[in-house]
Amino acid sequence: MRILFILLAAISINAVAADKTPSTSQDQATQAPQCYNGDDGKFYKVGEKATISGVALVCEATADKRNATWMNAKHAE
């Protein structure tokens, strides 16, 4: 009787563990680059503008297009 209980417990634990799908590196690679703004506490997409500590910045992609960084916003003339 104990063996049956242990077997059922092992099967249920295995079934619960199989339901959780881990994040793959391919899922992370398909995400678009973003910039984090600590003042707002949120992420911005490439091309969006924000003001951080009183400085106007724009989120721009790096040369390899895999990451993004804040750059000075260009003044409109």
Protein backbone atom coordinates (compact mmCIF):
# COMPACT_ATOMS: atom_id res chain seq x y z
CA MET A 1 0.00 0.00 0.00
CA ARG A 2 2.88 2.37 0.77
CA ILE A 3 4.42 1.71 -2.61
CA LEU A 4 1.19 2.73 -4.35
CA PHE A 5 1.05 5.97 -2.35
CA ILE A 6 4.71 6.78 -3.12
CA LEU A 7 4.18 5.98 -6.79
CA LEU A 8 1.12 8.25 -7.01
CA ALA A 9 2.97 11.07 -5.25
CA ALA A 10 5.93 10.77 -7.63
CA ILE A 11 3.65 10.81 -10.68
CA SER A 12 1.76 13.89 -9.47
CA ILE A 13 5.01 15.77 -8.71
CA ASN A 14 6.31 14.86 -12.15
CA ALA A 15 3.10 16.06 -13.82
CA VAL A 16 3.22 19.42 -12.00
CA ALA A 17 6.88 19.92 -12.92
CA ALA A 18 6.17 19.14 -16.58
CA ASP A 19 3.54 21.91 -16.77
CA LYS A 20 6.09 24.66 -16.14
CA THR A 21 7.79 25.71 -19.36
CA PRO A 22 11.18 27.26 -18.77
CA SER A 23 12.20 30.41 -20.62
CA THR A 24 14.49 29.52 -23.48
CA SER A 25 17.36 31.58 -24.81
CA GLN A 26 15.55 31.80 -28.15
CA ASP A 27 12.59 33.54 -26.47
CA GLN A 28 14.96 36.08 -24.97
CA ALA A 29 16.76 36.57 -28.29
CA THR A 30 13.54 37.46 -30.11
CA GLN A 31 12.75 40.33 -27.75
CA ALA A 32 13.34 43.82 -29.12
CA PRO A 33 16.04 45.88 -27.42
CA GLN A 34 14.81 48.31 -24.76
CA CYS A 35 16.21 51.02 -22.49
CA TYR A 36 15.39 51.19 -18.77
CA ASN A 37 14.44 54.50 -17.16
CA GLY A 38 15.06 54.41 -13.43
CA ASP A 39 13.16 57.67 -12.87
CA ASP A 40 9.94 56.18 -14.30
CA GLY A 41 10.75 52.60 -13.35
CA LYS A 42 9.86 51.23 -16.80
CA PHE A 43 11.36 50.16 -20.12
CA TYR A 44 11.21 52.19 -23.34
CA LYS A 45 11.31 50.86 -26.91
CA VAL A 46 13.95 51.96 -29.40
CA GLY A 47 13.08 55.43 -30.73
CA GLU A 48 11.10 56.60 -27.71
CA LYS A 49 12.16 59.79 -25.93
CA ALA A 50 12.31 60.42 -22.19
CA THR A 51 13.68 62.91 -19.71
CA ILE A 52 16.01 61.41 -17.12
CA SER A 53 17.27 63.69 -14.35
CA GLY A 54 16.32 66.72 -16.45
CA VAL A 55 18.20 65.58 -19.56
CA ALA A 56 16.29 64.84 -22.78
CA LEU A 57 17.35 61.40 -24.09
CA VAL A 58 16.27 58.97 -26.79
CA CYS A 59 16.53 55.19 -26.70
CA GLU A 60 18.72 54.04 -29.62
CA ALA A 61 19.81 50.58 -30.72
CA THR A 62 23.49 49.69 -30.52
CA ALA A 63 25.50 48.90 -33.66
CA ASP A 64 24.84 45.16 -33.41
CA LYS A 65 21.06 45.75 -32.92
CA ARG A 66 21.04 43.35 -29.96
CA ASN A 67 20.91 45.98 -27.20
CA ALA A 68 19.82 49.57 -26.70
CA THR A 69 21.22 52.54 -24.82
CA TRP A 70 20.23 56.10 -23.94
CA MET A 71 21.69 58.80 -26.22
CA ASN A 72 21.32 62.59 -26.24
CA ALA A 73 18.14 63.71 -27.97
CA LYS A 74 18.81 65.91 -30.98
CA HIS A 75 17.26 69.36 -30.88
CA ALA A 76 14.67 70.16 -33.54
CA GLU A 77 15.65 73.31 -35.41
